[in-house]
Amino acid sequence: LAFVAFLALTFLIYWHLPRQWRVGFLIFASMAYYGIYSPAFLLHFVAVIAVNYVFAVQVFRNRSKTLVGVAVAANILHLAFFKYFNSVFALIAPQGAALPDWFKVVMPLAISFYTFQFIAFLVDVYRTNAADAAPGAAIQPELNRYFLFMLFFPHLISGPILRAVDFYRQIGQEVESRDMQVRGLYLIALGLIKKLFIADVLGYLVNPVYKNPADYGSADALAAILGYTAQLYCDFSGFIDIASGI
């Protein structure tokens, strides 16, 4: 409900602002959305966006495959550090040694998603800036559009990973359309049905089997496996429908 209120307020303010203020407002709203969860994670995320912006500018200017490789490797190493530091320490530490709380690495929210979004953008910039590309086809990493593309709050947490060509060029060029609004509301409703009425219900049914498998037979275990597969699909598919609709 908090998200619905935030979305409604953002939507109303956005469409009542002069066009030249809209991109800046959406960047502010997206930063507020992420920063409410954790100001420290927001600072880290903005810093990572800035570094990747520098990479994207250099790739656009030089179209260097080596530079793309370095940028992709840097993003993967950054992700691996946060995901696996604690686990690696536990493996190599002497038996009985515990990682002090002050030394533990806390994984930033949505780091897996936004890492792959950075990589996708770098590859799009490299591919669409080829010498034989059609005039105006290159994806230029302009500062304000780049930050909005990476921060845009409806898809920030769970995706979908966007192709730059599908979203980036629309920033600042949006047009009110009743047909598209109806289509958006349909996608939001479809996503809510998948999430609330299918995924969550399946979770209620399969969780007891996963918690105490010894209490159930093989048929129940097989049904739980299939049910969890459907739950996982509808969870992510529902999120993506909602994000696309918004």
C-alpha atoms as a PDB file:
ATOM      1  CA  LEU A   1       0.000   0.000   0.000  1.00  0.00           C
ATOM      2  CA  ALA A   2       2.913   2.338   0.687  1.00  0.00           C
ATOM      3  CA  PHE A   3       4.191   1.682  -2.833  1.00  0.00           C
ATOM      4  CA  VAL A   4       0.744   2.328  -4.341  1.00  0.00           C
ATOM      5  CA  ALA A   5       0.586   5.684  -2.525  1.00  0.00           C
ATOM      6  CA  PHE A   6       4.122   6.571  -3.648  1.00  0.00           C
ATOM      7  CA  LEU A   7       3.340   5.615  -7.246  1.00  0.00           C
ATOM      8  CA  ALA A   8       0.074   7.590  -7.326  1.00  0.00           C
ATOM      9  CA  LEU A   9       1.715  10.705  -5.896  1.00  0.00           C
ATOM     10  CA  THR A  10       4.658  10.459  -8.300  1.00  0.00           C
ATOM     11  CA  PHE A  11       2.351   9.903 -11.269  1.00  0.00           C
ATOM     12  CA  LEU A  12       0.148  12.914 -10.448  1.00  0.00           C
ATOM     13  CA  ILE A  13       3.060  15.265  -9.832  1.00  0.00           C
ATOM     14  CA  TYR A  14       4.918  14.076 -12.940  1.00  0.00           C
ATOM     15  CA  TRP A  15       2.120  14.845 -15.390  1.00  0.00           C
ATOM     16  CA  HIS A  16       1.499  18.281 -13.861  1.00  0.00           C
ATOM     17  CA  LEU A  17       5.122  19.419 -14.165  1.00  0.00           C
ATOM     18  CA  PRO A  18       6.581  21.322 -17.130  1.00  0.00           C
ATOM     19  CA  ARG A  19       8.284  18.860 -19.493  1.00  0.00           C
ATOM     20  CA  GLN A  20      11.778  20.193 -18.752  1.00  0.00           C
ATOM     21  CA  TRP A  21      11.415  19.307 -15.052  1.00  0.00           C
ATOM     22  CA  ARG A  22      10.065  15.785 -15.453  1.00  0.00           C
ATOM     23  CA  VAL A  23      13.311  13.857 -15.861  1.00  0.00           C
ATOM     24  CA  GLY A  24      14.851  15.563 -12.848  1.00  0.00           C
ATOM     25  CA  PHE A  25      11.739  14.883 -10.782  1.00  0.00           C
ATOM     26  CA  LEU A  26      11.745  11.181 -11.662  1.00  0.00           C
ATOM     27  CA  ILE A  27      15.432  10.917 -10.730  1.00  0.00           C
ATOM     28  CA  PHE A  28      14.656  12.580  -7.379  1.00  0.00           C
ATOM     29  CA  ALA A  29      11.634  10.331  -6.776  1.00  0.00           C
ATOM     30  CA  SER A  30      13.615   7.202  -7.644  1.00  0.00           C
ATOM     31  CA  MET A  31      16.471   8.198  -5.348  1.00  0.00           C
ATOM     32  CA  ALA A  32      13.983   8.865  -2.547  1.00  0.00           C
ATOM     33  CA  TYR A  33      12.363   5.471  -3.140  1.00  0.00           C
ATOM     34  CA  TYR A  34      15.697   3.646  -2.866  1.00  0.00           C
ATOM     35  CA  GLY A  35      17.093   5.927  -0.147  1.00  0.00           C
ATOM     36  CA  ILE A  36      14.158   5.364   2.207  1.00  0.00           C
ATOM     37  CA  TYR A  37      15.235   1.724   2.383  1.00  0.00           C
ATOM     38  CA  SER A  38      18.882   2.598   3.078  1.00  0.00           C
ATOM     39  CA  PRO A  39      20.686   5.959   2.634  1.00  0.00           C
ATOM     40  CA  ALA A  40      24.025   4.119   2.692  1.00  0.00           C
ATOM     41  CA  PHE A  41      22.948   1.816  -0.142  1.00  0.00           C
ATOM     42  CA  LEU A  42      21.758   4.859  -2.095  1.00  0.00           C
ATOM     43  CA  LEU A  43      25.155   6.554  -1.802  1.00  0.00           C
ATOM     44  CA  HIS A  44      26.854   3.361  -2.916  1.00  0.00           C
ATOM     45  CA  PHE A  45      24.442   2.927  -5.848  1.00  0.00           C
ATOM     46  CA  VAL A  46      24.875   6.518  -7.059  1.00  0.00           C
ATOM     47  CA  ALA A  47      28.662   6.082  -6.916  1.00  0.00           C
ATOM     48  CA  VAL A  48      28.430   2.882  -8.980  1.00  0.00           C
ATOM     49  CA  ILE A  49      26.150   4.613 -11.508  1.00  0.00           C
ATOM     50  CA  ALA A  50      28.698   7.450 -11.823  1.00  0.00           C
ATOM     51  CA  VAL A  51      31.560   5.014 -12.455  1.00  0.00           C
ATOM     52  CA  ASN A  52      29.543   3.135 -15.064  1.00  0.00           C
ATOM     53  CA  TYR A  53      28.564   6.430 -16.692  1.00  0.00           C
ATOM     54  CA  VAL A  54      32.267   7.200 -17.186  1.00  0.00           C
ATOM     55  CA  PHE A  55      32.740   3.730 -18.681  1.00  0.00           C
ATOM     56  CA  ALA A  56      29.735   4.238 -21.004  1.00  0.00           C
ATOM     57  CA  VAL A  57      31.007   7.631 -22.209  1.00  0.00           C
ATOM     58  CA  GLN A  58      34.416   6.169 -23.026  1.00  0.00           C
ATOM     59  CA  VAL A  59      32.869   3.181 -24.817  1.00  0.00           C
ATOM     60  CA  PHE A  60      30.688   5.568 -26.840  1.00  0.00           C
ATOM     61  CA  ARG A  61      33.680   7.693 -27.820  1.00  0.00           C
ATOM     62  CA  ASN A  62      36.191   4.949 -28.514  1.00  0.00           C
ATOM     63  CA  ARG A  63      34.088   1.891 -29.326  1.00  0.00           C
ATOM     64  CA  SER A  64      36.746  -0.282 -27.728  1.00  0.00           C
ATOM     65  CA  LYS A  65      35.942  -3.942 -27.212  1.00  0.00           C
ATOM     66  CA  THR A  66      38.756  -4.092 -24.647  1.00  0.00           C
ATOM     67  CA  LEU A  67      37.186  -1.253 -22.667  1.00  0.00           C
ATOM     68  CA  VAL A  68      33.810  -3.009 -22.734  1.00  0.00           C
ATOM     69  CA  GLY A  69      35.503  -6.142 -21.399  1.00  0.00           C
ATOM     70  CA  VAL A  70      37.178  -4.183 -18.597  1.00  0.00           C
ATOM     71  CA  ALA A  71      33.889  -2.501 -17.648  1.00  0.00           C
ATOM     72  CA  VAL A  72      31.962  -5.787 -17.669  1.00  0.00           C
ATOM     73  CA  ALA A  73      34.671  -7.482 -15.596  1.00  0.00           C
ATOM     74  CA  ALA A  74      34.664  -4.606 -13.088  1.00  0.00           C
ATOM     75  CA  ASN A  75      30.888  -4.912 -12.655  1.00  0.00           C
ATOM     76  CA  ILE A  76      31.049  -8.681 -12.194  1.00  0.00           C
ATOM     77  CA  LEU A  77      33.890  -8.397  -9.661  1.00  0.00           C
ATOM     78  CA  HIS A  78      31.921  -5.753  -7.785  1.00  0.00           C
ATOM     79  CA  LEU A  79      28.893  -8.064  -7.660  1.00  0.00           C
ATOM     80  CA  ALA A  80      30.988 -11.092  -6.682  1.00  0.00           C
ATOM     81  CA  PHE A  81      32.600  -9.208  -3.804  1.00  0.00           C
ATOM     82  CA  PHE A  82      29.267  -8.392  -2.183  1.00  0.00           C
ATOM     83  CA  LYS A  83      27.693 -11.788  -2.890  1.00  0.00           C
ATOM     84  CA  TYR A  84      30.557 -14.066  -1.903  1.00  0.00           C
ATOM     85  CA  PHE A  85      32.938 -12.257   0.478  1.00  0.00           C
ATOM     86  CA  ASN A  86      31.341 -13.650   3.630  1.00  0.00           C
ATOM     87  CA  SER A  87      31.126 -17.177   2.185  1.00  0.00           C
ATOM     88  CA  VAL A  88      34.746 -17.198   0.984  1.00  0.00           C
ATOM     89  CA  PHE A  89      35.947 -15.981   4.371  1.00  0.00           C
ATOM     90  CA  ALA A  90      34.021 -18.785   6.065  1.00  0.00           C
ATOM     91  CA  LEU A  91      35.717 -21.331   3.780  1.00  0.00           C
ATOM     92  CA  ILE A  92      39.297 -20.136   4.251  1.00  0.00           C
ATOM     93  CA  ALA A  93      39.109 -19.041   7.886  1.00  0.00           C
ATOM     94  CA  PRO A  94      40.592 -21.321  10.569  1.00  0.00           C
ATOM     95  CA  GLN A  95      38.104 -23.752  12.074  1.00  0.00           C
ATOM     96  CA  GLY A  96      35.938 -22.048  14.655  1.00  0.00           C
ATOM     97  CA  ALA A  97      36.911 -18.539  13.538  1.00  0.00           C
ATOM     98  CA  ALA A  98      33.914 -16.261  13.105  1.00  0.00           C
ATOM     99  CA  LEU A  99      33.672 -13.187  10.925  1.00  0.00           C
ATOM    100  CA  PRO A 100      33.289 -10.122  13.182  1.00  0.00           C
ATOM    101  CA  ASP A 101      30.045  -8.215  12.640  1.00  0.00           C
ATOM    102  CA  TRP A 102      31.939  -5.039  11.762  1.00  0.00           C
ATOM    103  CA  PHE A 103      33.825  -6.936   9.036  1.00  0.00           C
ATOM    104  CA  LYS A 104      30.812  -8.583   7.403  1.00  0.00           C
ATOM    105  CA  VAL A 105      29.770  -7.359   3.967  1.00  0.00           C
ATOM    106  CA  VAL A 106      26.084  -6.468   3.600  1.00  0.00           C
ATOM    107  CA  MET A 107      24.762  -6.973   0.076  1.00  0.00           C
ATOM    108  CA  PRO A 108      23.072  -3.855  -1.364  1.00  0.00           C
ATOM    109  CA  LEU A 109      19.449  -4.146  -2.406  1.00  0.00           C
ATOM    110  CA  ALA A 110      18.957  -5.222  -6.056  1.00  0.00           C
ATOM    111  CA  ILE A 111      22.701  -5.384  -6.776  1.00  0.00           C
ATOM    112  CA  SER A 112      22.311  -8.432  -9.040  1.00  0.00           C
ATOM    113  CA  PHE A 113      19.655  -6.747 -11.136  1.00  0.00           C
ATOM    114  CA  TYR A 114      21.338  -3.396 -11.560  1.00  0.00           C
ATOM    115  CA  THR A 115      24.726  -5.001 -12.292  1.00  0.00           C
ATOM    116  CA  PHE A 116      23.220  -6.783 -15.293  1.00  0.00           C
ATOM    117  CA  GLN A 117      21.449  -3.566 -16.304  1.00  0.00           C
ATOM    118  CA  PHE A 118      24.813  -1.767 -16.378  1.00  0.00           C
ATOM    119  CA  ILE A 119      26.304  -4.533 -18.501  1.00  0.00           C
ATOM    120  CA  ALA A 120      23.349  -4.551 -20.900  1.00  0.00           C
ATOM    121  CA  PHE A 121      23.649  -0.789 -21.394  1.00  0.00           C
ATOM    122  CA  LEU A 122      27.404  -0.967 -22.054  1.00  0.00           C
ATOM    123  CA  VAL A 123      26.845  -3.647 -24.678  1.00  0.00           C
ATOM    124  CA  ASP A 124      24.009  -1.626 -26.266  1.00  0.00           C
ATOM    125  CA  VAL A 125      26.226   1.472 -26.438  1.00  0.00           C
ATOM    126  CA  TYR A 126      29.023  -0.527 -28.042  1.00  0.00           C
ATOM    127  CA  ARG A 127      26.788  -2.244 -30.590  1.00  0.00           C
ATOM    128  CA  THR A 128      24.745   0.788 -31.640  1.00  0.00           C
ATOM    129  CA  ASN A 129      27.774   3.045 -32.024  1.00  0.00           C
ATOM    130  CA  ALA A 130      29.226   1.022 -34.859  1.00  0.00           C
ATOM    131  CA  ALA A 131      30.575   2.945 -37.842  1.00  0.00           C
ATOM    132  CA  ASP A 132      27.921   1.480 -40.135  1.00  0.00           C
ATOM    133  CA  ALA A 133      25.005   2.249 -37.790  1.00  0.00           C
ATOM    134  CA  ALA A 134      22.114   4.235 -39.191  1.00  0.00           C
ATOM    135  CA  PRO A 135      22.230   8.016 -38.544  1.00  0.00           C
ATOM    136  CA  GLY A 136      21.063   8.779 -35.013  1.00  0.00           C
ATOM    137  CA  ALA A 137      21.071   5.110 -34.046  1.00  0.00           C
ATOM    138  CA  ALA A 138      23.758   5.390 -31.374  1.00  0.00           C
ATOM    139  CA  ILE A 139      22.691   5.292 -27.725  1.00  0.00           C
ATOM    140  CA  GLN A 140      24.415   8.338 -26.247  1.00  0.00           C
ATOM    141  CA  PRO A 141      25.104   8.149 -22.485  1.00  0.00           C
ATOM    142  CA  GLU A 142      23.746  11.589 -21.544  1.00  0.00           C
ATOM    143  CA  LEU A 143      24.044  12.223 -17.802  1.00  0.00           C
ATOM    144  CA  ASN A 144      20.415  12.898 -16.806  1.00  0.00           C
ATOM    145  CA  ARG A 145      18.891  10.224 -19.031  1.00  0.00           C
ATOM    146  CA  TYR A 146      21.512   7.696 -17.965  1.00  0.00           C
ATOM    147  CA  PHE A 147      20.825   8.244 -14.273  1.00  0.00           C
ATOM    148  CA  LEU A 148      17.066   7.947 -14.806  1.00  0.00           C
ATOM    149  CA  PHE A 149      17.478   4.819 -16.914  1.00  0.00           C
ATOM    150  CA  MET A 150      19.400   3.142 -14.086  1.00  0.00           C
ATOM    151  CA  LEU A 151      17.382   4.533 -11.148  1.00  0.00           C
ATOM    152  CA  PHE A 152      13.823   4.315 -12.533  1.00  0.00           C
ATOM    153  CA  PHE A 153      11.973   3.043  -9.468  1.00  0.00           C
ATOM    154  CA  PRO A 154       9.246   0.782 -10.946  1.00  0.00           C
ATOM    155  CA  HIS A 155      11.830  -1.734 -12.183  1.00  0.00           C
ATOM    156  CA  LEU A 156      14.733  -0.958  -9.846  1.00  0.00           C
ATOM    157  CA  ILE A 157      14.315  -3.886  -7.454  1.00  0.00           C
ATOM    158  CA  SER A 158      13.258  -6.856  -9.592  1.00  0.00           C
ATOM    159  CA  GLY A 159      13.557  -5.816 -13.219  1.00  0.00           C
ATOM    160  CA  PRO A 160      12.955  -6.389 -16.023  1.00  0.00           C
ATOM    161  CA  ILE A 161      16.402  -5.662 -17.446  1.00  0.00           C
ATOM    162  CA  LEU A 162      15.697  -3.081 -20.129  1.00  0.00           C
ATOM    163  CA  ARG A 163      17.230  -2.730 -23.550  1.00  0.00           C
ATOM    164  CA  ALA A 164      18.357   0.844 -23.944  1.00  0.00           C
ATOM    165  CA  VAL A 165      16.655   1.153 -27.320  1.00  0.00           C
ATOM    166  CA  ASP A 166      13.269   0.272 -25.760  1.00  0.00           C
ATOM    167  CA  PHE A 167      13.298   2.839 -22.947  1.00  0.00           C
ATOM    168  CA  TYR A 168      16.249   5.214 -23.047  1.00  0.00           C
ATOM    169  CA  ARG A 169      15.183   7.219 -26.097  1.00  0.00           C
ATOM    170  CA  GLN A 170      11.654   7.710 -24.744  1.00  0.00           C
ATOM    171  CA  ILE A 171      12.950   9.729 -21.783  1.00  0.00           C
ATOM    172  CA  GLY A 172      11.765  13.294 -22.269  1.00  0.00           C
ATOM    173  CA  GLN A 173       9.684  12.285 -25.306  1.00  0.00           C
ATOM    174  CA  GLU A 174       6.691  10.781 -23.508  1.00  0.00           C
ATOM    175  CA  VAL A 175       3.154  11.464 -24.746  1.00  0.00           C
ATOM    176  CA  GLU A 176      -0.128  11.011 -22.891  1.00  0.00           C
ATOM    177  CA  SER A 177      -2.114   8.189 -24.472  1.00  0.00           C
ATOM    178  CA  ARG A 178      -5.407   6.759 -23.228  1.00  0.00           C
ATOM    179  CA  ASP A 179      -4.750   3.476 -25.056  1.00  0.00           C
ATOM    180  CA  MET A 180      -1.337   3.076 -23.424  1.00  0.00           C
ATOM    181  CA  GLN A 181      -2.775   3.945 -20.004  1.00  0.00           C
ATOM    182  CA  VAL A 182      -5.416   1.241 -20.391  1.00  0.00           C
ATOM    183  CA  ARG A 183      -2.712  -1.200 -21.514  1.00  0.00           C
ATOM    184  CA  GLY A 184      -0.610  -0.228 -18.477  1.00  0.00           C
ATOM    185  CA  LEU A 185      -3.484  -0.783 -16.067  1.00  0.00           C
ATOM    186  CA  TYR A 186      -4.155  -4.164 -17.677  1.00  0.00           C
ATOM    187  CA  LEU A 187      -0.529  -5.230 -17.153  1.00  0.00           C
ATOM    188  CA  ILE A 188      -0.586  -4.046 -13.530  1.00  0.00           C
ATOM    189  CA  ALA A 189      -3.805  -6.004 -12.871  1.00  0.00           C
ATOM    190  CA  LEU A 190      -2.414  -9.106 -14.601  1.00  0.00           C
ATOM    191  CA  GLY A 191       0.771  -8.883 -12.532  1.00  0.00           C
ATOM    192  CA  LEU A 192      -1.179  -8.528  -9.282  1.00  0.00           C
ATOM    193  CA  ILE A 193      -3.243 -11.612 -10.144  1.00  0.00           C
ATOM    194  CA  LYS A 194      -0.094 -13.643 -10.825  1.00  0.00           C
ATOM    195  CA  LYS A 195       1.586 -12.439  -7.634  1.00  0.00           C
ATOM    196  CA  LEU A 196      -1.258 -12.350  -5.092  1.00  0.00           C
ATOM    197  CA  PHE A 197      -3.668 -15.011  -6.319  1.00  0.00           C
ATOM    198  CA  ILE A 198      -1.295 -17.582  -7.836  1.00  0.00           C
ATOM    199  CA  ALA A 199       2.273 -17.210  -6.493  1.00  0.00           C
ATOM    200  CA  ASP A 200       1.344 -16.374  -2.902  1.00  0.00           C
ATOM    201  CA  VAL A 201      -1.338 -19.069  -2.741  1.00  0.00           C
ATOM    202  CA  LEU A 202       1.072 -21.671  -4.132  1.00  0.00           C
ATOM    203  CA  GLY A 203       3.637 -20.554  -1.572  1.00  0.00           C
ATOM    204  CA  TYR A 204       1.143 -21.191   1.213  1.00  0.00           C
ATOM    205  CA  LEU A 205       0.605 -24.716  -0.155  1.00  0.00           C
ATOM    206  CA  VAL A 206       4.192 -25.788  -0.883  1.00  0.00           C
ATOM    207  CA  ASN A 207       6.069 -24.193   2.041  1.00  0.00           C
ATOM    208  CA  PRO A 208       4.967 -26.830   4.596  1.00  0.00           C
ATOM    209  CA  VAL A 209       6.354 -29.588   2.351  1.00  0.00           C
ATOM    210  CA  TYR A 210       9.734 -27.857   2.038  1.00  0.00           C
ATOM    211  CA  LYS A 211       9.919 -27.201   5.781  1.00  0.00           C
ATOM    212  CA  ASN A 212       9.138 -30.804   6.813  1.00  0.00           C
ATOM    213  CA  PRO A 213       9.636 -33.073   3.776  1.00  0.00           C
ATOM    214  CA  ALA A 214       9.830 -36.214   5.927  1.00  0.00           C
ATOM    215  CA  ASP A 215       6.171 -35.756   6.872  1.00  0.00           C
ATOM    216  CA  TYR A 216       5.003 -36.083   3.249  1.00  0.00           C
ATOM    217  CA  GLY A 217       5.040 -38.763   0.572  1.00  0.00           C
ATOM    218  CA  SER A 218       6.750 -38.753  -2.822  1.00  0.00           C
ATOM    219  CA  ALA A 219       3.607 -37.552  -4.623  1.00  0.00           C
ATOM    220  CA  ASP A 220       3.407 -34.564  -2.262  1.00  0.00           C
ATOM    221  CA  ALA A 221       7.109 -33.836  -2.833  1.00  0.00           C
ATOM    222  CA  LEU A 222       6.671 -33.916  -6.616  1.00  0.00           C
ATOM    223  CA  ALA A 223       3.607 -31.650  -6.375  1.00  0.00           C
ATOM    224  CA  ALA A 224       5.589 -29.252  -4.183  1.00  0.00           C
ATOM    225  CA  ILE A 225       8.448 -29.142  -6.702  1.00  0.00           C
ATOM    226  CA  LEU A 226       6.067 -28.366  -9.559  1.00  0.00           C
ATOM    227  CA  GLY A 227       4.116 -25.916  -7.401  1.00  0.00           C
ATOM    228  CA  TYR A 228       7.288 -24.061  -6.408  1.00  0.00           C
ATOM    229  CA  THR A 229       8.302 -23.833 -10.077  1.00  0.00           C
ATOM    230  CA  ALA A 230       4.956 -22.212 -10.906  1.00  0.00           C
ATOM    231  CA  GLN A 231       5.217 -19.995  -7.818  1.00  0.00           C
ATOM    232  CA  LEU A 232       8.660 -18.722  -8.817  1.00  0.00           C
ATOM    233  CA  TYR A 233       7.547 -18.067 -12.398  1.00  0.00           C
ATOM    234  CA  CYS A 234       4.393 -16.185 -11.388  1.00  0.00           C
ATOM    235  CA  ASP A 235       6.323 -14.209  -8.759  1.00  0.00           C
ATOM    236  CA  PHE A 236       8.855 -12.819 -11.222  1.00  0.00           C
ATOM    237  CA  SER A 237       6.474 -12.672 -14.172  1.00  0.00           C
ATOM    238  CA  GLY A 238       3.978 -10.785 -11.998  1.00  0.00           C
ATOM    239  CA  PHE A 239       6.621  -8.300 -10.871  1.00  0.00           C
ATOM    240  CA  ILE A 240       7.691  -7.733 -14.477  1.00  0.00           C
ATOM    241  CA  ASP A 241       4.097  -7.199 -15.639  1.00  0.00           C
ATOM    242  CA  ILE A 242       3.555  -4.640 -12.878  1.00  0.00           C
ATOM    243  CA  ALA A 243       6.801  -2.818 -13.676  1.00  0.00           C
ATOM    244  CA  SER A 244       6.007  -2.800 -17.409  1.00  0.00           C
ATOM    245  CA  GLY A 245       2.498  -1.511 -16.737  1.00  0.00           C
ATOM    246  CA  ILE A 246       3.804   1.314 -14.557  1.00  0.00           C
END
